[in-house]
Amino acid sequence: MPFNWFVTAFAGWRLALGRPVTFITWLVVIFIVLVVLALLAGAFRGMGDSVQILSAIVPAVVIGGLVAAWVHRAVLEPGGSGYGYLGFGAAEFRNIVLMVGLMAAAFLGVFLVSAGLELFGLAAGVEAIVGLIVTTLLAGSLAGPVSLVGPAVSDLGWRGVGEGWRMASGHRLRLAGMCLVAVTVTALAFTAFQMLVVASITGLGSQTSWLVLLWAPVGLAGVVGVAGPGVAAYAKLRQAQAAVDVFD
């Protein structure tokens, strides 16, 4: 067995909590990126709903792609990268493009499932339940390969899309379990933080700046927590493959 799926599911959180200097460095850089994106969004304010929607989506995509690439670098090149494993190069660009592609695929998948179920004329409640089951099954079947594609793209370039998909063969069930645990732990952490910290602080109201300051570290830890298991599994599988190649 190349990797323990349950232990690997916590690789991202171990990275976030075990390297505080690196984590704080990422947090500071992300704040700077958010300020720049907010200034750019302000220039397009009042230009329609579609622009407002994009101004909300673009920061998530950019930050997600940047952090994913940094996490990949921290795991795959722990001793050979610059300060804080930071970068704004090809790996970051590829991960941002990959994020856009995955979001588009997710929206398309939900649309196709919804449109397909409407053809059967099911009751609204039944259609919602069946749609949730079908979407969950599809997401579960694809979670394993997708979790390896990101680190493979960072490591190998665009040919990593096919390589990540190939590496998932024979490990899909364990990878799906790993992703499920990682996402569940992150969701529980977000819920606990909202209930125990944010909700207990009175007087914040709708003060967005304070909410951003509160949520930024937790949000970053969540991104690292979700991205970390995939790259840890990729590193283990790559190592196992290299050991096999030695004896071929």
Protein backbone atom coordinates (compact mmCIF):
# COMPACT_ATOMS: atom_id res chain seq x y z
CA MET A 1 0.00 0.00 0.00
CA PRO A 2 1.74 3.23 -1.16
CA PHE A 3 -0.10 5.48 1.32
CA ASN A 4 -2.48 5.38 4.25
CA TRP A 5 -5.56 7.25 3.03
CA PHE A 6 -6.77 8.29 6.49
CA VAL A 7 -3.41 9.59 7.71
CA THR A 8 -2.80 11.33 4.38
CA ALA A 9 -6.15 13.13 4.68
CA PHE A 10 -4.63 15.29 7.45
CA ALA A 11 -1.43 16.14 5.55
CA GLY A 12 -2.62 19.66 4.72
CA TRP A 13 -3.50 20.52 8.29
CA ARG A 14 -0.18 19.11 9.49
CA LEU A 15 1.55 21.39 7.01
CA ALA A 16 -0.47 24.46 8.09
CA LEU A 17 0.06 23.86 11.81
CA GLY A 18 3.57 22.41 11.63
CA ARG A 19 5.20 25.24 9.66
CA PRO A 20 3.89 28.44 11.30
CA VAL A 21 6.47 30.76 9.69
CA THR A 22 5.59 29.48 6.22
CA PHE A 23 1.87 29.75 6.98
CA ILE A 24 2.19 33.35 8.23
CA THR A 25 4.23 34.23 5.14
CA TRP A 26 1.49 32.88 2.91
CA LEU A 27 -1.12 34.78 4.94
CA VAL A 28 0.71 38.10 4.54
CA VAL A 29 1.11 37.58 0.78
CA ILE A 30 -2.55 36.61 0.43
CA PHE A 31 -3.58 39.82 2.23
CA ILE A 32 -1.52 41.82 -0.28
CA VAL A 33 -3.08 39.93 -3.19
CA LEU A 34 -6.56 40.56 -1.75
CA VAL A 35 -5.87 44.29 -1.46
CA VAL A 36 -4.67 44.45 -5.08
CA LEU A 37 -7.69 42.48 -6.31
CA ALA A 38 -10.04 44.66 -4.24
CA LEU A 39 -8.57 47.80 -5.81
CA LEU A 40 -9.00 46.31 -9.27
CA ALA A 41 -12.58 45.28 -8.46
CA GLY A 42 -13.34 48.81 -7.26
CA ALA A 43 -12.43 50.15 -10.68
CA PHE A 44 -15.22 48.07 -12.23
CA ARG A 45 -17.86 48.80 -9.58
CA GLY A 46 -21.27 49.69 -10.97
CA MET A 47 -20.67 47.95 -14.31
CA GLY A 48 -23.38 45.33 -13.95
CA ASP A 49 -24.21 42.13 -12.06
CA SER A 50 -21.95 39.92 -14.16
CA VAL A 51 -18.93 42.04 -13.29
CA GLN A 52 -19.88 41.93 -9.59
CA ILE A 53 -20.12 38.13 -9.74
CA LEU A 54 -16.71 37.93 -11.41
CA SER A 55 -15.23 40.24 -8.77
CA ALA A 56 -16.29 37.67 -6.16
CA ILE A 57 -15.14 34.59 -8.10
CA VAL A 58 -11.78 35.85 -9.40
CA PRO A 59 -10.15 36.34 -5.95
CA ALA A 60 -11.16 32.82 -4.90
CA VAL A 61 -9.73 31.33 -8.10
CA VAL A 62 -6.49 33.32 -7.96
CA ILE A 63 -5.86 32.66 -4.27
CA GLY A 64 -6.82 28.99 -4.62
CA GLY A 65 -4.39 28.54 -7.52
CA LEU A 66 -1.56 30.38 -5.78
CA VAL A 67 -1.90 28.52 -2.47
CA ALA A 68 -2.25 25.16 -4.23
CA ALA A 69 1.02 25.74 -6.10
CA TRP A 70 2.79 26.80 -2.89
CA VAL A 71 1.52 23.71 -1.05
CA HIS A 72 2.68 21.49 -3.92
CA ARG A 73 6.12 23.12 -3.82
CA ALA A 74 6.36 22.78 -0.02
CA VAL A 75 5.73 19.03 -0.23
CA LEU A 76 7.50 18.14 -3.48
CA GLU A 77 10.51 20.47 -3.12
CA PRO A 78 10.92 20.95 0.66
CA GLY A 79 14.62 21.82 0.45
CA GLY A 80 14.99 23.35 -2.97
CA SER A 81 12.62 26.30 -3.12
CA GLY A 82 12.78 29.98 -2.19
CA TYR A 83 11.56 31.67 0.95
CA GLY A 84 8.18 30.35 2.05
CA TYR A 85 7.92 28.28 -1.16
CA LEU A 86 6.45 31.38 -2.75
CA GLY A 87 6.28 31.90 -6.48
CA PHE A 88 4.29 33.66 -9.16
CA GLY A 89 5.43 31.69 -12.16
CA ALA A 90 4.34 28.91 -14.48
CA ALA A 91 3.20 26.51 -11.74
CA GLU A 92 0.94 29.16 -10.20
CA PHE A 93 -0.47 30.10 -13.62
CA ARG A 94 -1.19 26.46 -14.47
CA ASN A 95 -2.98 25.93 -11.15
CA ILE A 96 -5.11 29.05 -11.65
CA VAL A 97 -6.09 27.84 -15.13
CA LEU A 98 -6.79 24.40 -13.67
CA MET A 99 -9.02 25.98 -11.00
CA VAL A 100 -11.00 27.78 -13.71
CA GLY A 101 -11.37 24.52 -15.63
CA LEU A 102 -12.52 22.58 -12.58
CA MET A 103 -15.06 25.26 -11.63
CA ALA A 104 -16.42 25.31 -15.18
CA ALA A 105 -16.62 21.50 -15.22
CA ALA A 106 -18.42 21.49 -11.87
CA PHE A 107 -21.02 24.03 -13.02
CA LEU A 108 -21.49 22.12 -16.28
CA GLY A 109 -21.87 18.83 -14.42
CA VAL A 110 -24.51 20.21 -12.06
CA PHE A 111 -26.37 21.75 -15.01
CA LEU A 112 -26.35 18.49 -17.00
CA VAL A 113 -27.53 16.43 -14.00
CA SER A 114 -30.33 18.92 -13.32
CA ALA A 115 -31.36 19.07 -16.98
CA GLY A 116 -31.27 15.28 -17.26
CA LEU A 117 -33.45 14.75 -14.21
CA GLU A 118 -36.02 17.23 -15.46
CA LEU A 119 -36.64 14.93 -18.43
CA PHE A 120 -38.04 12.29 -16.06
CA GLY A 121 -40.69 14.66 -14.65
CA LEU A 122 -39.95 13.83 -11.02
CA ALA A 123 -41.48 15.71 -8.11
CA ALA A 124 -39.38 18.63 -6.91
CA GLY A 125 -38.37 16.96 -3.64
CA VAL A 126 -37.53 13.63 -5.28
CA GLU A 127 -35.59 15.39 -8.03
CA ALA A 128 -33.52 17.28 -5.44
CA ILE A 129 -32.67 14.07 -3.53
CA VAL A 130 -31.80 12.10 -6.68
CA GLY A 131 -29.77 15.03 -7.99
CA LEU A 132 -27.81 15.22 -4.73
CA ILE A 133 -27.11 11.46 -4.83
CA VAL A 134 -26.01 11.51 -8.49
CA THR A 135 -23.84 14.60 -7.99
CA THR A 136 -22.23 13.10 -4.87
CA LEU A 137 -21.45 9.84 -6.67
CA LEU A 138 -19.94 11.69 -9.62
CA ALA A 139 -17.89 13.93 -7.33
CA GLY A 140 -16.70 10.92 -5.34
CA SER A 141 -15.63 9.03 -8.47
CA LEU A 142 -13.68 12.02 -9.80
CA ALA A 143 -12.23 13.28 -6.50
CA GLY A 144 -9.29 10.87 -6.55
CA PRO A 145 -7.93 11.65 -10.01
CA VAL A 146 -8.59 15.39 -9.59
CA SER A 147 -6.67 15.44 -6.29
CA LEU A 148 -3.57 14.13 -8.11
CA VAL A 149 -3.89 16.27 -11.24
CA GLY A 150 -3.05 19.54 -9.44
CA PRO A 151 0.29 18.41 -7.98
CA ALA A 152 1.11 16.53 -11.19
CA VAL A 153 0.57 19.73 -13.21
CA SER A 154 2.81 21.65 -10.81
CA ASP A 155 5.45 18.94 -11.07
CA LEU A 156 5.33 17.98 -14.76
CA GLY A 157 3.55 20.78 -16.60
CA TRP A 158 0.40 20.19 -18.60
CA ARG A 159 1.29 16.55 -19.29
CA GLY A 160 0.61 16.12 -15.57
CA VAL A 161 -3.12 16.12 -16.34
CA GLY A 162 -2.84 12.71 -17.96
CA GLU A 163 -0.19 11.49 -15.53
CA GLY A 164 -2.25 12.40 -12.48
CA TRP A 165 -5.26 10.62 -13.94
CA ARG A 166 -3.15 7.54 -14.70
CA MET A 167 -1.60 7.47 -11.22
CA ALA A 168 -5.07 7.35 -9.64
CA SER A 169 -5.77 4.00 -11.31
CA GLY A 170 -6.11 1.32 -8.67
CA HIS A 171 -6.29 3.85 -5.85
CA ARG A 172 -9.58 5.61 -6.53
CA LEU A 173 -11.44 4.30 -3.49
CA ARG A 174 -8.66 5.24 -1.08
CA LEU A 175 -8.23 8.64 -2.74
CA ALA A 176 -11.98 9.27 -2.54
CA GLY A 177 -11.97 8.39 1.17
CA MET A 178 -8.96 10.65 1.70
CA CYS A 179 -10.72 13.58 -0.01
CA LEU A 180 -13.96 12.96 1.91
CA VAL A 181 -12.15 13.04 5.27
CA ALA A 182 -10.14 16.16 4.31
CA VAL A 183 -13.21 18.08 3.16
CA THR A 184 -15.26 16.96 6.18
CA VAL A 185 -12.55 18.02 8.65
CA THR A 186 -12.23 21.40 6.92
CA ALA A 187 -16.00 21.92 6.94
CA LEU A 188 -16.15 21.04 10.65
CA ALA A 189 -13.31 23.46 11.39
CA PHE A 190 -15.13 26.25 9.53
CA THR A 191 -18.39 25.48 11.34
CA ALA A 192 -16.71 25.39 14.75
CA PHE A 193 -14.92 28.67 14.09
CA GLN A 194 -18.17 30.33 13.01
CA MET A 195 -20.10 29.07 16.03
CA LEU A 196 -17.43 29.44 18.72
CA VAL A 197 -15.52 32.51 17.60
CA VAL A 198 -17.29 34.67 15.03
CA ALA A 199 -20.78 34.31 16.50
CA SER A 200 -19.51 35.03 20.02
CA ILE A 201 -17.92 38.35 19.08
CA THR A 202 -20.56 41.04 19.42
CA GLY A 203 -20.48 44.40 17.74
CA LEU A 204 -18.97 43.25 14.44
CA GLY A 205 -22.25 43.38 12.60
CA SER A 206 -21.54 43.70 8.91
CA GLN A 207 -18.04 45.17 9.30
CA THR A 208 -16.50 43.31 6.38
CA SER A 209 -12.90 44.25 7.15
CA TRP A 210 -13.07 42.66 10.60
CA LEU A 211 -14.72 39.54 9.23
CA VAL A 212 -12.01 39.21 6.59
CA LEU A 213 -9.30 39.54 9.23
CA LEU A 214 -10.98 36.86 11.33
CA TRP A 215 -11.63 34.43 8.51
CA ALA A 216 -8.41 34.84 6.50
CA PRO A 217 -6.20 32.52 8.62
CA VAL A 218 -8.94 29.91 8.89
CA GLY A 219 -9.77 30.14 5.19
CA LEU A 220 -6.11 29.77 4.25
CA ALA A 221 -5.75 26.79 6.59
CA GLY A 222 -8.81 25.26 4.93
CA VAL A 223 -7.33 25.64 1.45
CA VAL A 224 -4.07 24.09 2.65
CA GLY A 225 -6.05 21.38 4.44
CA VAL A 226 -7.85 20.41 1.23
CA ALA A 227 -4.88 20.76 -1.14
CA GLY A 228 -2.36 19.01 1.10
CA PRO A 229 -3.68 15.42 0.98
CA GLY A 230 -3.60 15.27 -2.82
CA VAL A 231 0.01 16.36 -3.10
CA ALA A 232 1.04 14.07 -0.21
CA ALA A 233 -0.61 11.12 -1.97
CA TYR A 234 1.00 12.16 -5.26
CA ALA A 235 4.44 12.27 -3.61
CA LYS A 236 3.94 8.80 -2.12
CA LEU A 237 2.71 7.32 -5.41
CA ARG A 238 5.55 8.99 -7.34
CA GLN A 239 8.05 7.56 -4.87
CA ALA A 240 6.51 4.09 -5.17
CA GLN A 241 6.60 4.32 -8.97
CA ALA A 242 10.25 5.38 -8.90
CA ALA A 243 11.08 2.36 -6.75
CA VAL A 244 9.33 0.08 -9.24
CA ASP A 245 11.18 1.68 -12.17
CA VAL A 246 14.53 0.94 -10.50
CA PHE A 247 13.82 -2.79 -10.67
CA ASP A 248 12.37 -2.79 -14.20
